[in-house]
C-alpha atoms as a PDB file:
ATOM      1  CA  MET A   1       0.000   0.000   0.000  1.00  0.00           C
ATOM      2  CA  GLY A   2       2.973   2.306   0.396  1.00  0.00           C
ATOM      3  CA  VAL A   3       6.563   2.683   1.556  1.00  0.00           C
ATOM      4  CA  ILE A   4       7.594   4.163   4.875  1.00  0.00           C
ATOM      5  CA  LYS A   5      10.108   6.842   3.929  1.00  0.00           C
ATOM      6  CA  ILE A   6      13.036   8.333   5.810  1.00  0.00           C
ATOM      7  CA  PRO A   7      13.325  12.132   5.429  1.00  0.00           C
ATOM      8  CA  GLN A   8      15.808  13.039   2.708  1.00  0.00           C
ATOM      9  CA  SER A   9      17.722  15.277   5.092  1.00  0.00           C
ATOM     10  CA  SER A  10      18.231  12.233   7.356  1.00  0.00           C
ATOM     11  CA  VAL A  11      19.549  10.225   4.422  1.00  0.00           C
ATOM     12  CA  ASP A  12      21.878  13.054   3.451  1.00  0.00           C
ATOM     13  CA  PHE A  13      23.208  13.416   7.011  1.00  0.00           C
ATOM     14  CA  PHE A  14      23.838   9.677   7.227  1.00  0.00           C
ATOM     15  CA  LYS A  15      25.734   9.622   3.928  1.00  0.00           C
ATOM     16  CA  GLU A  16      27.760  12.654   4.951  1.00  0.00           C
ATOM     17  CA  HIS A  17      29.076  10.951   8.095  1.00  0.00           C
ATOM     18  CA  GLN A  18      29.164   7.226   7.364  1.00  0.00           C
ATOM     19  CA  ASP A  19      32.675   7.300   5.900  1.00  0.00           C
ATOM     20  CA  GLU A  20      33.982   8.694   9.190  1.00  0.00           C
ATOM     21  CA  ILE A  21      33.069   5.397  10.822  1.00  0.00           C
ATOM     22  CA  PHE A  22      34.743   3.253   8.163  1.00  0.00           C
ATOM     23  CA  LYS A  23      37.880   5.376   8.122  1.00  0.00           C
ATOM     24  CA  SER A  24      38.203   5.201  11.894  1.00  0.00           C
ATOM     25  CA  GLY A  25      37.692   1.442  11.942  1.00  0.00           C
ATOM     26  CA  ASN A  26      35.649   1.977  15.083  1.00  0.00           C
ATOM     27  CA  LEU A  27      32.477   0.102  14.182  1.00  0.00           C
ATOM     28  CA  SER A  28      31.287  -0.357  17.761  1.00  0.00           C
ATOM     29  CA  GLU A  29      31.354   1.546  21.073  1.00  0.00           C
ATOM     30  CA  GLY A  30      32.313   4.764  19.362  1.00  0.00           C
ATOM     31  CA  PRO A  31      31.299   8.436  19.314  1.00  0.00           C
ATOM     32  CA  TRP A  32      27.949   7.998  17.543  1.00  0.00           C
ATOM     33  CA  ASN A  33      26.615   5.891  20.386  1.00  0.00           C
ATOM     34  CA  GLU A  34      27.635   8.671  22.755  1.00  0.00           C
ATOM     35  CA  LYS A  35      26.143  11.364  20.518  1.00  0.00           C
ATOM     36  CA  LEU A  36      22.866   9.480  20.203  1.00  0.00           C
ATOM     37  CA  ALA A  37      22.634   8.892  23.958  1.00  0.00           C
ATOM     38  CA  ASP A  38      23.301  12.590  24.612  1.00  0.00           C
ATOM     39  CA  LYS A  39      20.663  13.612  22.058  1.00  0.00           C
ATOM     40  CA  ILE A  40      18.052  11.342  23.636  1.00  0.00           C
ATOM     41  CA  LYS A  41      18.845  12.726  27.088  1.00  0.00           C
ATOM     42  CA  LYS A  42      18.395  16.250  25.772  1.00  0.00           C
ATOM     43  CA  ILE A  43      15.116  15.428  24.006  1.00  0.00           C
ATOM     44  CA  SER A  44      13.562  13.301  26.755  1.00  0.00           C
ATOM     45  CA  GLY A  45      14.919  15.027  29.833  1.00  0.00           C
ATOM     46  CA  ALA A  46      16.110  11.669  31.206  1.00  0.00           C
ATOM     47  CA  LYS A  47      19.278  11.713  33.312  1.00  0.00           C
ATOM     48  CA  ASN A  48      20.612   8.478  31.816  1.00  0.00           C
ATOM     49  CA  ALA A  49      20.344   7.111  28.276  1.00  0.00           C
ATOM     50  CA  VAL A  50      21.972   3.937  26.948  1.00  0.00           C
ATOM     51  CA  CYS A  51      21.868   2.792  23.333  1.00  0.00           C
ATOM     52  CA  VAL A  52      20.756  -0.816  22.834  1.00  0.00           C
ATOM     53  CA  ASN A  53      20.209  -2.958  19.755  1.00  0.00           C
ATOM     54  CA  SER A  54      16.428  -3.185  20.256  1.00  0.00           C
ATOM     55  CA  ASN A  55      13.579  -2.157  22.497  1.00  0.00           C
ATOM     56  CA  GLY A  56      13.182  -5.787  23.582  1.00  0.00           C
ATOM     57  CA  SER A  57      16.799  -6.254  24.627  1.00  0.00           C
ATOM     58  CA  GLY A  58      16.613  -3.080  26.698  1.00  0.00           C
ATOM     59  CA  LEU A  59      13.468  -4.280  28.476  1.00  0.00           C
ATOM     60  CA  VAL A  60      15.051  -7.686  29.223  1.00  0.00           C
ATOM     61  CA  ALA A  61      18.155  -5.952  30.586  1.00  0.00           C
ATOM     62  CA  PHE A  62      16.134  -3.752  32.937  1.00  0.00           C
ATOM     63  CA  LEU A  63      14.114  -6.737  34.151  1.00  0.00           C
ATOM     64  CA  LEU A  64      17.275  -8.725  34.863  1.00  0.00           C
ATOM     65  CA  ILE A  65      18.727  -5.770  36.768  1.00  0.00           C
ATOM     66  CA  PHE A  66      15.496  -5.409  38.752  1.00  0.00           C
ATOM     67  CA  LYS A  67      15.658  -9.100  39.625  1.00  0.00           C
ATOM     68  CA  GLU A  68      19.342  -9.211  40.552  1.00  0.00           C
ATOM     69  CA  TYR A  69      19.616  -5.936  42.459  1.00  0.00           C
ATOM     70  CA  TYR A  70      16.074  -5.230  43.672  1.00  0.00           C
ATOM     71  CA  GLY A  71      14.820  -8.740  44.406  1.00  0.00           C
ATOM     72  CA  ARG A  72      11.944  -8.667  41.907  1.00  0.00           C
ATOM     73  CA  LYS A  73      10.475 -11.900  40.573  1.00  0.00           C
ATOM     74  CA  ASP A  74       6.774 -11.295  39.767  1.00  0.00           C
ATOM     75  CA  ILE A  75       5.428  -9.129  36.962  1.00  0.00           C
ATOM     76  CA  MET A  76       2.152  -7.853  35.543  1.00  0.00           C
ATOM     77  CA  ILE A  77       1.726  -6.691  31.949  1.00  0.00           C
ATOM     78  CA  GLN A  78      -1.296  -5.329  30.138  1.00  0.00           C
ATOM     79  CA  SER A  79      -3.703  -7.442  28.134  1.00  0.00           C
ATOM     80  CA  ASN A  80      -3.469  -5.365  24.960  1.00  0.00           C
ATOM     81  CA  THR A  81       0.194  -5.557  24.013  1.00  0.00           C
ATOM     82  CA  MET A  82       2.501  -7.402  21.661  1.00  0.00           C
ATOM     83  CA  TYR A  83       3.006 -11.106  22.250  1.00  0.00           C
ATOM     84  CA  GLY A  84       6.717 -10.312  22.318  1.00  0.00           C
ATOM     85  CA  VAL A  85       6.210  -8.570  25.669  1.00  0.00           C
ATOM     86  CA  LYS A  86       5.126 -11.906  27.114  1.00  0.00           C
ATOM     87  CA  THR A  87       8.245 -13.598  25.726  1.00  0.00           C
ATOM     88  CA  ILE A  88      10.419 -10.797  27.135  1.00  0.00           C
ATOM     89  CA  VAL A  89       9.009 -11.539  30.586  1.00  0.00           C
ATOM     90  CA  GLY A  90       9.780 -15.247  30.162  1.00  0.00           C
ATOM     91  CA  THR A  91      13.266 -14.569  28.855  1.00  0.00           C
ATOM     92  CA  ALA A  92      14.023 -12.516  31.967  1.00  0.00           C
ATOM     93  CA  GLY A  93      12.802 -15.393  34.154  1.00  0.00           C
ATOM     94  CA  TYR A  94       9.824 -13.666  35.773  1.00  0.00           C
ATOM     95  CA  ASN A  95       6.556 -15.101  37.041  1.00  0.00           C
ATOM     96  CA  LEU A  96       3.787 -13.549  34.932  1.00  0.00           C
ATOM     97  CA  VAL A  97       1.101 -13.238  37.604  1.00  0.00           C
ATOM     98  CA  LYS A  98      -1.555 -11.119  35.873  1.00  0.00           C
ATOM     99  CA  PHE A  99      -2.666  -9.530  32.616  1.00  0.00           C
ATOM    100  CA  ILE A 100      -4.065  -6.075  33.400  1.00  0.00           C
ATOM    101  CA  ASP A 101      -7.324  -5.271  31.596  1.00  0.00           C
ATOM    102  CA  CYS A 102      -7.407  -2.404  29.089  1.00  0.00           C
ATOM    103  CA  LYS A 103      -9.958   0.212  28.014  1.00  0.00           C
ATOM    104  CA  LEU A 104     -11.103   0.524  24.397  1.00  0.00           C
ATOM    105  CA  GLU A 105     -10.968   4.328  24.658  1.00  0.00           C
ATOM    106  CA  THR A 106      -7.166   4.271  25.028  1.00  0.00           C
ATOM    107  CA  LEU A 107      -6.260   0.607  24.337  1.00  0.00           C
ATOM    108  CA  MET A 108      -4.382   0.775  27.656  1.00  0.00           C
ATOM    109  CA  PRO A 109      -5.140   0.095  31.334  1.00  0.00           C
ATOM    110  CA  SER A 110      -6.786   2.807  33.377  1.00  0.00           C
ATOM    111  CA  PHE A 111      -5.654   3.478  36.922  1.00  0.00           C
ATOM    112  CA  GLU A 112      -8.720   1.561  38.117  1.00  0.00           C
ATOM    113  CA  ASN A 113      -7.750  -1.439  35.948  1.00  0.00           C
ATOM    114  CA  LEU A 114      -4.270  -1.453  37.441  1.00  0.00           C
ATOM    115  CA  LYS A 115      -5.449  -0.969  41.036  1.00  0.00           C
ATOM    116  CA  ASN A 116      -7.924  -3.808  40.641  1.00  0.00           C
ATOM    117  CA  ALA A 117      -5.103  -6.076  39.454  1.00  0.00           C
ATOM    118  CA  ILE A 118      -2.931  -5.076  42.422  1.00  0.00           C
ATOM    119  CA  ASP A 119      -5.797  -5.560  44.881  1.00  0.00           C
ATOM    120  CA  ASN A 120      -6.171  -9.141  43.660  1.00  0.00           C
ATOM    121  CA  TYR A 121      -2.448  -9.902  43.805  1.00  0.00           C
ATOM    122  CA  GLN A 122      -1.602 -12.365  46.560  1.00  0.00           C
ATOM    123  CA  GLY A 123       2.165 -11.887  46.537  1.00  0.00           C
ATOM    124  CA  ASP A 124       4.700  -9.483  48.037  1.00  0.00           C
ATOM    125  CA  LEU A 125       4.538  -5.991  46.475  1.00  0.00           C
ATOM    126  CA  ASN A 126       8.257  -5.594  47.207  1.00  0.00           C
ATOM    127  CA  LYS A 127       8.922  -8.331  44.638  1.00  0.00           C
ATOM    128  CA  LEU A 128       6.610  -6.957  41.922  1.00  0.00           C
ATOM    129  CA  VAL A 129       7.254  -5.161  38.632  1.00  0.00           C
ATOM    130  CA  ILE A 130       4.553  -3.532  36.501  1.00  0.00           C
ATOM    131  CA  MET A 131       5.446  -3.214  32.812  1.00  0.00           C
ATOM    132  CA  LEU A 132       3.082  -0.995  30.831  1.00  0.00           C
ATOM    133  CA  SER A 133       3.142  -0.442  27.070  1.00  0.00           C
ATOM    134  CA  ASP A 134       2.135   2.829  25.428  1.00  0.00           C
ATOM    135  CA  MET A 135      -0.231   2.151  22.545  1.00  0.00           C
ATOM    136  CA  GLY A 136      -0.515   3.729  19.118  1.00  0.00           C
ATOM    137  CA  GLY A 137       1.567   6.816  19.781  1.00  0.00           C
ATOM    138  CA  ILE A 138       0.182   8.258  23.025  1.00  0.00           C
ATOM    139  CA  ILE A 139       1.276   7.898  26.629  1.00  0.00           C
ATOM    140  CA  ASN A 140      -1.099   6.159  29.012  1.00  0.00           C
ATOM    141  CA  PRO A 141      -3.321   9.060  30.197  1.00  0.00           C
ATOM    142  CA  ASP A 142      -3.258   7.700  33.773  1.00  0.00           C
ATOM    143  CA  ILE A 143       0.513   7.147  33.908  1.00  0.00           C
ATOM    144  CA  GLU A 144       1.143   9.959  36.420  1.00  0.00           C
ATOM    145  CA  LYS A 145      -1.400   8.523  38.864  1.00  0.00           C
ATOM    146  CA  ILE A 146      -0.124   4.992  38.203  1.00  0.00           C
ATOM    147  CA  SER A 147       3.485   6.073  38.752  1.00  0.00           C
ATOM    148  CA  LYS A 148       2.696   7.680  42.121  1.00  0.00           C
ATOM    149  CA  PHE A 149       0.714   4.612  43.199  1.00  0.00           C
ATOM    150  CA  CYS A 150       3.583   2.294  42.277  1.00  0.00           C
ATOM    151  CA  LYS A 151       6.117   4.457  44.074  1.00  0.00           C
ATOM    152  CA  ASP A 152       3.965   4.555  47.210  1.00  0.00           C
ATOM    153  CA  LYS A 153       3.626   0.747  47.126  1.00  0.00           C
ATOM    154  CA  ASN A 154       7.333   0.140  46.297  1.00  0.00           C
ATOM    155  CA  ILE A 155       6.366  -1.471  42.977  1.00  0.00           C
ATOM    156  CA  LEU A 156       8.886  -0.959  40.158  1.00  0.00           C
ATOM    157  CA  LEU A 157       7.320   0.547  37.021  1.00  0.00           C
ATOM    158  CA  LEU A 158       8.910  -0.202  33.638  1.00  0.00           C
ATOM    159  CA  GLU A 159       7.649   1.641  30.543  1.00  0.00           C
ATOM    160  CA  ASP A 160       7.624  -0.054  27.173  1.00  0.00           C
ATOM    161  CA  ALA A 161       7.700   3.149  25.135  1.00  0.00           C
ATOM    162  CA  ALA A 162       8.239   1.442  21.780  1.00  0.00           C
ATOM    163  CA  HIS A 163       5.207   3.227  20.292  1.00  0.00           C
ATOM    164  CA  SER A 164       5.607   6.616  21.925  1.00  0.00           C
ATOM    165  CA  PHE A 165       9.006   8.183  21.271  1.00  0.00           C
ATOM    166  CA  GLY A 166       8.332  11.869  20.664  1.00  0.00           C
ATOM    167  CA  SER A 167       5.077  11.889  22.646  1.00  0.00           C
ATOM    168  CA  THR A 168       4.463  13.953  25.775  1.00  0.00           C
ATOM    169  CA  LEU A 169       1.925  14.140  28.589  1.00  0.00           C
ATOM    170  CA  ASN A 170       1.739  17.386  30.547  1.00  0.00           C
ATOM    171  CA  ASN A 171       4.976  18.366  28.771  1.00  0.00           C
ATOM    172  CA  LYS A 172       6.771  15.302  30.151  1.00  0.00           C
ATOM    173  CA  PHE A 173       8.366  12.924  27.670  1.00  0.00           C
ATOM    174  CA  ALA A 174       7.342   9.308  27.145  1.00  0.00           C
ATOM    175  CA  GLY A 175       9.378   6.711  29.028  1.00  0.00           C
ATOM    176  CA  THR A 176      10.292   9.017  31.913  1.00  0.00           C
ATOM    177  CA  PHE A 177       7.356   8.476  34.286  1.00  0.00           C
ATOM    178  CA  GLY A 178       8.436   5.188  35.867  1.00  0.00           C
ATOM    179  CA  ASP A 179      11.710   3.731  37.079  1.00  0.00           C
ATOM    180  CA  ALA A 180      12.920   3.141  33.508  1.00  0.00           C
ATOM    181  CA  GLY A 181      11.719   3.105  29.911  1.00  0.00           C
ATOM    182  CA  VAL A 182      12.836   1.907  26.486  1.00  0.00           C
ATOM    183  CA  TYR A 183      12.223   3.393  23.015  1.00  0.00           C
ATOM    184  CA  SER A 184      12.196   1.577  19.672  1.00  0.00           C
ATOM    185  CA  TYR A 185      13.354   2.692  16.228  1.00  0.00           C
ATOM    186  CA  TYR A 186      12.231  -0.460  14.435  1.00  0.00           C
ATOM    187  CA  SER A 187      11.301   0.037  10.795  1.00  0.00           C
ATOM    188  CA  THR A 188       7.548   0.362  11.388  1.00  0.00           C
ATOM    189  CA  LYS A 189       7.646   2.722  14.355  1.00  0.00           C
ATOM    190  CA  ALA A 190       6.689   6.401  14.322  1.00  0.00           C
ATOM    191  CA  ILE A 191      10.355   7.399  14.389  1.00  0.00           C
ATOM    192  CA  PHE A 192      12.045   4.654  12.393  1.00  0.00           C
ATOM    193  CA  ALA A 193      15.554   3.575  11.500  1.00  0.00           C
ATOM    194  CA  GLY A 194      15.289  -0.128  10.810  1.00  0.00           C
ATOM    195  CA  GLU A 195      16.476  -1.328  14.202  1.00  0.00           C
ATOM    196  CA  GLY A 196      17.798  -0.018  17.487  1.00  0.00           C
ATOM    197  CA  GLY A 197      16.555   1.329  20.786  1.00  0.00           C
ATOM    198  CA  VAL A 198      17.505   3.621  23.623  1.00  0.00           C
ATOM    199  CA  ALA A 199      16.908   2.814  27.288  1.00  0.00           C
ATOM    200  CA  VAL A 200      16.368   5.702  29.706  1.00  0.00           C
ATOM    201  CA  THR A 201      16.138   6.125  33.472  1.00  0.00           C
ATOM    202  CA  ASN A 202      16.404   8.902  36.027  1.00  0.00           C
ATOM    203  CA  ASN A 203      17.821   6.453  38.569  1.00  0.00           C
ATOM    204  CA  GLU A 204      21.612   6.775  38.605  1.00  0.00           C
ATOM    205  CA  LYS A 205      22.186   3.307  40.057  1.00  0.00           C
ATOM    206  CA  ILE A 206      20.010   1.622  37.421  1.00  0.00           C
ATOM    207  CA  GLY A 207      21.602   3.720  34.672  1.00  0.00           C
ATOM    208  CA  ASN A 208      25.145   2.774  35.703  1.00  0.00           C
ATOM    209  CA  LEU A 209      24.234  -0.898  36.004  1.00  0.00           C
ATOM    210  CA  LEU A 210      22.761  -0.842  32.506  1.00  0.00           C
ATOM    211  CA  LYS A 211      25.877   0.768  31.014  1.00  0.00           C
ATOM    212  CA  ASP A 212      27.965  -2.087  32.398  1.00  0.00           C
ATOM    213  CA  PHE A 213      25.369  -4.774  31.581  1.00  0.00           C
ATOM    214  CA  ILE A 214      25.322  -4.111  27.819  1.00  0.00           C
ATOM    215  CA  ALA A 215      29.042  -4.921  27.560  1.00  0.00           C
ATOM    216  CA  TYR A 216      29.172  -7.970  29.894  1.00  0.00           C
ATOM    217  CA  ASP A 217      30.654  -5.700  32.594  1.00  0.00           C
ATOM    218  CA  ARG A 218      34.004  -6.726  31.150  1.00  0.00           C
ATOM    219  CA  PHE A 219      35.767  -3.620  32.457  1.00  0.00           C
ATOM    220  CA  LYS A 220      34.692  -3.401  36.123  1.00  0.00           C
ATOM    221  CA  GLN A 221      34.097  -7.168  36.391  1.00  0.00           C
ATOM    222  CA  LYS A 222      31.704  -6.963  39.323  1.00  0.00           C
ATOM    223  CA  MET A 223      28.269  -7.837  37.891  1.00  0.00           C
ATOM    224  CA  PRO A 224      27.046 -11.458  37.836  1.00  0.00           C
ATOM    225  CA  ILE A 225      24.808 -10.672  34.837  1.00  0.00           C
ATOM    226  CA  GLY A 226      25.391  -9.007  31.490  1.00  0.00           C
ATOM    227  CA  CYS A 227      25.046  -9.465  27.762  1.00  0.00           C
ATOM    228  CA  ASN A 228      26.167  -7.823  24.535  1.00  0.00           C
ATOM    229  CA  ILE A 229      23.158  -5.793  23.454  1.00  0.00           C
ATOM    230  CA  ARG A 230      25.189  -2.880  22.139  1.00  0.00           C
ATOM    231  CA  LEU A 231      24.179  -0.796  19.139  1.00  0.00           C
ATOM    232  CA  SER A 232      26.645  -0.665  16.246  1.00  0.00           C
ATOM    233  CA  GLU A 233      28.094   2.685  15.236  1.00  0.00           C
ATOM    234  CA  ILE A 234      26.475   2.546  11.783  1.00  0.00           C
ATOM    235  CA  GLN A 235      23.036   1.949  13.304  1.00  0.00           C
ATOM    236  CA  ALA A 236      23.610   4.625  15.950  1.00  0.00           C
ATOM    237  CA  LEU A 237      24.390   7.106  13.185  1.00  0.00           C
ATOM    238  CA  LEU A 238      21.246   6.118  11.284  1.00  0.00           C
ATOM    239  CA  VAL A 239      19.053   6.490  14.376  1.00  0.00           C
ATOM    240  CA  TYR A 240      20.711   9.835  15.141  1.00  0.00           C
ATOM    241  CA  SER A 241      20.045  10.988  11.570  1.00  0.00           C
ATOM    242  CA  VAL A 242      16.344  10.179  11.826  1.00  0.00           C
ATOM    243  CA  VAL A 243      15.856  11.427  15.395  1.00  0.00           C
ATOM    244  CA  SER A 244      17.306  14.764  14.299  1.00  0.00           C
ATOM    245  CA  ASN A 245      14.169  15.171  12.182  1.00  0.00           C
ATOM    246  CA  LEU A 246      11.767  14.175  14.949  1.00  0.00           C
ATOM    247  CA  ASN A 247       9.633  17.319  14.682  1.00  0.00           C
ATOM    248  CA  GLU A 248       9.430  17.178  10.894  1.00  0.00           C
ATOM    249  CA  ILE A 249       8.217  13.576  10.972  1.00  0.00           C
ATOM    250  CA  ILE A 250       5.627  14.156  13.691  1.00  0.00           C
ATOM    251  CA  ASN A 251       4.323  17.370  12.119  1.00  0.00           C
ATOM    252  CA  ASN A 252       3.939  15.596   8.776  1.00  0.00           C
ATOM    253  CA  LYS A 253       1.866  12.867  10.431  1.00  0.00           C
ATOM    254  CA  LEU A 254      -0.148  15.426  12.425  1.00  0.00           C
ATOM    255  CA  LYS A 255      -1.324  17.064   9.194  1.00  0.00           C
ATOM    256  CA  ILE A 256      -2.603  13.690   7.997  1.00  0.00           C
ATOM    257  CA  ALA A 257      -4.265  13.058  11.357  1.00  0.00           C
ATOM    258  CA  GLU A 258      -6.011  16.431  11.259  1.00  0.00           C
ATOM    259  CA  LYS A 259      -7.654  15.523   7.950  1.00  0.00           C
ATOM    260  CA  TYR A 260      -8.745  12.163   9.330  1.00  0.00           C
ATOM    261  CA  MET A 261     -10.112  13.810  12.483  1.00  0.00           C
ATOM    262  CA  GLU A 262     -12.132  16.311  10.470  1.00  0.00           C
ATOM    263  CA  ALA A 263     -13.648  13.528   8.362  1.00  0.00           C
ATOM    264  CA  CYS A 264     -14.377  11.389  11.423  1.00  0.00           C
ATOM    265  CA  VAL A 265     -16.130  14.228  13.229  1.00  0.00           C
ATOM    266  CA  LYS A 266     -18.323  14.933  10.210  1.00  0.00           C
ATOM    267  CA  SER A 267     -19.203  11.249   9.848  1.00  0.00           C
ATOM    268  CA  LYS A 268     -19.611  10.727  13.619  1.00  0.00           C
ATOM    269  CA  ILE A 269     -16.901   8.085  13.777  1.00  0.00           C
ATOM    270  CA  ASP A 270     -15.186   7.623  17.148  1.00  0.00           C
ATOM    271  CA  PHE A 271     -11.404   7.849  17.162  1.00  0.00           C
ATOM    272  CA  ILE A 272      -8.564   8.085  19.654  1.00  0.00           C
ATOM    273  CA  ASP A 273      -7.620  11.757  19.760  1.00  0.00           C
ATOM    274  CA  GLN A 274      -3.883  12.161  20.360  1.00  0.00           C
ATOM    275  CA  THR A 275      -4.176  15.904  20.945  1.00  0.00           C
ATOM    276  CA  LYS A 276      -6.410  16.112  24.029  1.00  0.00           C
ATOM    277  CA  ASN A 277      -6.166  15.742  27.823  1.00  0.00           C
ATOM    278  CA  TYR A 278      -2.631  17.187  27.850  1.00  0.00           C
ATOM    279  CA  ASN A 279      -1.448  14.320  25.638  1.00  0.00           C
ATOM    280  CA  ILE A 280       0.498  15.113  22.471  1.00  0.00           C
ATOM    281  CA  GLY A 281       1.026  11.908  20.529  1.00  0.00           C
ATOM    282  CA  ASN A 282       3.416  11.031  17.721  1.00  0.00           C
ATOM    283  CA  HIS A 283       0.584   9.531  15.612  1.00  0.00           C
ATOM    284  CA  TYR A 284       2.247   6.177  15.251  1.00  0.00           C
ATOM    285  CA  LYS A 285      -1.278   4.954  14.493  1.00  0.00           C
ATOM    286  CA  PHE A 286      -4.573   6.657  13.734  1.00  0.00           C
ATOM    287  CA  THR A 287      -7.150   4.491  15.455  1.00  0.00           C
ATOM    288  CA  ILE A 288     -10.906   4.488  14.944  1.00  0.00           C
ATOM    289  CA  ILE A 289     -13.112   2.594  17.385  1.00  0.00           C
ATOM    290  CA  SER A 290     -16.630   1.203  17.651  1.00  0.00           C
ATOM    291  CA  GLN A 291     -18.161   1.089  21.106  1.00  0.00           C
ATOM    292  CA  GLU A 292     -21.262  -0.968  20.374  1.00  0.00           C
ATOM    293  CA  LYS A 293     -20.332  -3.688  17.885  1.00  0.00           C
ATOM    294  CA  ASN A 294     -17.482  -5.090  15.843  1.00  0.00           C
ATOM    295  CA  ILE A 295     -16.005  -2.313  13.760  1.00  0.00           C
ATOM    296  CA  VAL A 296     -16.164  -4.155  10.417  1.00  0.00           C
ATOM    297  CA  GLU A 297     -19.915  -4.407  10.948  1.00  0.00           C
ATOM    298  CA  ALA A 298     -20.259  -0.816  12.110  1.00  0.00           C
ATOM    299  CA  LEU A 299     -18.098   0.664   9.315  1.00  0.00           C
ATOM    300  CA  PRO A 300     -18.164  -1.806   6.407  1.00  0.00           C
ATOM    301  CA  LYS A 301     -17.116   0.777   3.785  1.00  0.00           C
ATOM    302  CA  ILE A 302     -13.739   1.457   5.374  1.00  0.00           C
ATOM    303  CA  LYS A 303     -11.411  -0.838   3.461  1.00  0.00           C
ATOM    304  CA  THR A 304      -8.150   1.110   3.248  1.00  0.00           C
ATOM    305  CA  THR A 305      -6.481   0.292   6.548  1.00  0.00           C
ATOM    306  CA  THR A 306      -3.127  -0.663   7.939  1.00  0.00           C
ATOM    307  CA  SER A 307      -2.365  -3.254  10.642  1.00  0.00           C
ATOM    308  CA  LYS A 308      -4.327  -2.976  13.876  1.00  0.00           C
ATOM    309  CA  ILE A 309      -2.554  -2.041  17.084  1.00  0.00           C
ATOM    310  CA  TYR A 310      -2.844  -5.773  17.769  1.00  0.00           C
ATOM    311  CA  ASP A 311      -5.335  -8.242  16.334  1.00  0.00           C
ATOM    312  CA  TYR A 312      -5.286 -10.377  19.482  1.00  0.00           C
ATOM    313  CA  ALA A 313      -5.441  -9.923  23.259  1.00  0.00           C
ATOM    314  CA  LEU A 314      -3.232 -11.715  25.762  1.00  0.00           C
ATOM    315  CA  GLY A 315      -5.712 -11.445  28.645  1.00  0.00           C
ATOM    316  CA  GLU A 316      -9.402 -10.706  29.057  1.00  0.00           C
ATOM    317  CA  SER A 317      -9.690  -7.592  26.874  1.00  0.00           C
ATOM    318  CA  LYS A 318     -10.971  -9.680  23.975  1.00  0.00           C
ATOM    319  CA  ASP A 319     -13.192  -6.980  22.437  1.00  0.00           C
ATOM    320  CA  ILE A 320     -10.379  -4.522  21.704  1.00  0.00           C
ATOM    321  CA  PRO A 321      -9.042  -6.322  18.593  1.00  0.00           C
ATOM    322  CA  LYS A 322     -12.570  -6.512  17.160  1.00  0.00           C
ATOM    323  CA  LYS A 323     -13.553  -2.936  17.885  1.00  0.00           C
ATOM    324  CA  HIS A 324     -10.740  -0.893  16.393  1.00  0.00           C
ATOM    325  CA  LEU A 325      -9.121  -0.264  13.020  1.00  0.00           C
ATOM    326  CA  CYS A 326      -6.049   1.765  12.070  1.00  0.00           C
ATOM    327  CA  LEU A 327      -5.904   4.090   9.074  1.00  0.00           C
ATOM    328  CA  PRO A 328      -2.697   4.552   7.046  1.00  0.00           C
ATOM    329  CA  ILE A 329      -0.552   7.263   8.603  1.00  0.00           C
ATOM    330  CA  TRP A 330       3.173   7.494   8.074  1.00  0.00           C
ATOM    331  CA  TYR A 331       5.720  10.064   7.021  1.00  0.00           C
ATOM    332  CA  GLY A 332       5.422  10.860   3.315  1.00  0.00           C
ATOM    333  CA  LEU A 333       2.069   9.078   2.887  1.00  0.00           C
ATOM    334  CA  ASP A 334       0.991   9.168  -0.779  1.00  0.00           C
ATOM    335  CA  ASP A 335      -1.801  11.662  -1.450  1.00  0.00           C
ATOM    336  CA  SER A 336      -3.735   9.034  -3.395  1.00  0.00           C
ATOM    337  CA  ILE A 337      -3.960   6.844  -0.276  1.00  0.00           C
ATOM    338  CA  LEU A 338      -4.956   9.793   1.895  1.00  0.00           C
ATOM    339  CA  LYS A 339      -7.740  10.823  -0.505  1.00  0.00           C
ATOM    340  CA  LYS A 340      -9.020   7.264  -0.711  1.00  0.00           C
ATOM    341  CA  VAL A 341      -9.252   6.974   3.069  1.00  0.00           C
ATOM    342  CA  ILE A 342     -11.016  10.356   3.359  1.00  0.00           C
ATOM    343  CA  THR A 343     -13.574   9.254   0.772  1.00  0.00           C
ATOM    344  CA  GLU A 344     -14.247   6.048   2.679  1.00  0.00           C
ATOM    345  CA  LEU A 345     -14.678   7.973   5.949  1.00  0.00           C
ATOM    346  CA  LYS A 346     -17.140  10.370   4.318  1.00  0.00           C
ATOM    347  CA  ASN A 347     -19.127   7.484   2.887  1.00  0.00           C
END
């Protein structure tokens, strides 16, 4: 249906600097990793940023650190999330004790959903981690309340911010509300560079442990855990090149979203608004929803779609996959596709 395009200025920047890497012979653990980490710290406001080869590897690393140094062994994740999140939990050796229910209006758990899950937990809160995933480009609207609750209960909160790099809530950047967070630059994400991730935390101890973890702690030689999940210099440069055009990419997608929103309002189609309640999303997805019945029955004329947030649920939120659709929205979307979708919305 179309090709996800990298801004030309990002391509030009990458080409301008790639030979520096080859001439130096420093293909790993070099200056572009440092530059990218510094850029992410500046953008996000996080005190610590560590480049990793994927969002998933960063999440596993944090979970292993939480287990080894904070005594955590149980975890809850939300029902509406990627199956890979479940495998990440298993890879880190955690007991998955609960899937937290999600709301159709956000595709994420509300504070009440999370509190209900905690109230029914029979274990020790001092051994618990909550891992929440931002969905579709916005931050969980209840994340501030959830974060305070977790802190008060001594529950560690890990943010899977794969969908939400560039998004803010109350002017605070995605991934910085809990104890740690991880971004993704996989090829389908809102801000995309093929592969790569950056892990962030405001906790100095966790940040320092992660820096040693990603290189087996081969220099200090004190940690009992560690793995090579470093990002290569070439990939760090590519991510840096794309992240440098963060605002251009998001603004391009916002213009598309505004046209979809206008058409939805006129046709009385419910959608997830990424511009309200102090949330400013990156429009990774544009999601329309149907409260009463399955969306293909409610809106049979809408045929031009892209992949759903997820077409399955891991827990009890079984209606969410059936009651939402996602419209094409990516940087450089062809006008012909945009016009076709608008026509279908109007019809």
